[in-house]
Amino acid sequence: MDGSAFAQFVPLILIFAIMYFLLIRPQQKKMKEHQAMVAALRRGDQVVTQGGLIGKVSKVKEGENELEVEVADGVKVRVVQNTITQVLNKTEPAS
């Protein structure tokens, strides 16, 4: 009787394993990459926000998780760091 009860759970275990490797693990990897990208942002980087705004980072506020992004000459917008979806141009580090 124990063998048949275990045999009923084998498909569930296989489904969970497949879901983990196809959905959960890639999502976690993508999230870690995004966090690393956001942490590496610095002044002068050209970025794209979730709303589609393209601008240049003019100030990084470390404690507040905010960026100041210049979207046009003299037009600066405060943006939450996690809303940055892409970095178009990285600035070279100062030597």
Protein backbone atom coordinates (compact mmCIF):
# COMPACT_ATOMS: atom_id res chain seq x y z
CA MET A 1 0.00 0.00 0.00
CA ASP A 2 2.88 2.37 0.70
CA GLY A 3 4.30 1.84 -2.77
CA SER A 4 1.06 2.85 -4.48
CA ALA A 5 0.65 5.96 -2.30
CA PHE A 6 4.17 7.09 -3.18
CA ALA A 7 3.55 6.34 -6.86
CA GLN A 8 0.63 8.79 -6.80
CA PHE A 9 2.89 11.61 -5.61
CA VAL A 10 5.64 11.02 -8.17
CA PRO A 11 3.82 12.99 -10.95
CA LEU A 12 3.26 15.91 -8.57
CA ILE A 13 6.92 15.93 -7.60
CA LEU A 14 7.94 15.84 -11.26
CA ILE A 15 5.58 18.70 -12.13
CA PHE A 16 6.99 20.82 -9.30
CA ALA A 17 10.56 20.08 -10.41
CA ILE A 18 9.76 21.06 -14.00
CA MET A 19 8.02 24.26 -12.85
CA TYR A 20 11.02 25.15 -10.69
CA PHE A 21 13.56 24.76 -13.49
CA LEU A 22 11.42 26.37 -16.21
CA LEU A 23 9.77 29.23 -14.32
CA ILE A 24 11.02 29.96 -10.82
CA ARG A 25 14.80 29.66 -11.29
CA PRO A 26 15.03 31.84 -14.46
CA GLN A 27 12.85 34.49 -12.80
CA GLN A 28 15.15 34.59 -9.77
CA LYS A 29 18.20 34.89 -12.02
CA LYS A 30 16.60 37.74 -13.95
CA MET A 31 15.73 39.51 -10.70
CA LYS A 32 19.33 39.22 -9.43
CA GLU A 33 20.66 40.62 -12.72
CA HIS A 34 18.23 43.57 -12.49
CA GLN A 35 19.28 44.30 -8.89
CA ALA A 36 22.94 44.24 -9.93
CA MET A 37 22.22 46.60 -12.85
CA VAL A 38 20.36 49.03 -10.57
CA ALA A 39 23.11 48.90 -7.95
CA ALA A 40 25.73 49.74 -10.60
CA LEU A 41 23.95 52.89 -11.83
CA ARG A 42 25.96 56.08 -11.59
CA ARG A 43 25.94 59.65 -12.78
CA GLY A 44 26.05 59.99 -16.57
CA ASP A 45 24.41 56.65 -17.44
CA GLN A 46 21.67 56.83 -20.06
CA VAL A 47 18.66 54.82 -18.86
CA VAL A 48 15.13 53.77 -19.83
CA THR A 49 12.38 53.70 -17.19
CA GLN A 50 9.36 51.40 -17.05
CA GLY A 51 7.25 54.31 -18.27
CA GLY A 52 9.40 54.60 -21.40
CA LEU A 53 11.28 57.76 -20.45
CA ILE A 54 14.84 57.94 -21.72
CA GLY A 55 17.20 60.17 -19.82
CA LYS A 56 20.61 60.63 -18.29
CA VAL A 57 21.23 60.01 -14.60
CA SER A 58 22.26 63.30 -13.00
CA LYS A 59 22.21 62.25 -9.34
CA VAL A 60 22.07 58.96 -7.43
CA LYS A 61 20.49 59.21 -3.97
CA GLU A 62 21.89 56.16 -2.14
CA GLY A 63 19.79 56.09 1.03
CA GLU A 64 16.47 56.87 -0.63
CA ASN A 65 16.63 54.44 -3.60
CA GLU A 66 15.99 57.35 -5.93
CA LEU A 67 17.65 58.71 -9.03
CA GLU A 68 17.47 62.12 -10.57
CA VAL A 69 17.15 61.67 -14.33
CA GLU A 70 17.50 64.51 -16.81
CA VAL A 71 15.02 63.88 -19.63
CA ALA A 72 15.66 67.17 -21.47
CA ASP A 73 17.91 70.20 -21.02
CA GLY A 74 17.09 71.52 -17.56
CA VAL A 75 14.22 69.05 -16.98
CA LYS A 76 15.03 66.66 -14.13
CA VAL A 77 12.71 63.95 -12.84
CA ARG A 78 12.99 61.96 -9.62
CA VAL A 79 12.69 58.23 -10.34
CA VAL A 80 12.65 55.16 -8.09
CA GLN A 81 15.73 53.04 -8.88
CA ASN A 82 13.79 49.79 -9.35
CA THR A 83 11.77 51.32 -12.21
CA ILE A 84 14.88 51.44 -14.42
CA THR A 85 14.48 48.70 -17.02
CA GLN A 86 17.53 49.20 -19.21
CA VAL A 87 20.86 51.01 -19.29
CA LEU A 88 21.58 52.27 -22.80
CA ASN A 89 25.02 53.85 -22.33
CA LYS A 90 27.33 53.33 -19.39
CA THR A 91 29.76 56.05 -18.40
CA GLU A 92 33.39 55.13 -18.02
CA PRO A 93 34.61 55.07 -14.42
CA ALA A 94 36.77 57.99 -13.35
CA SER A 95 40.44 57.07 -13.15
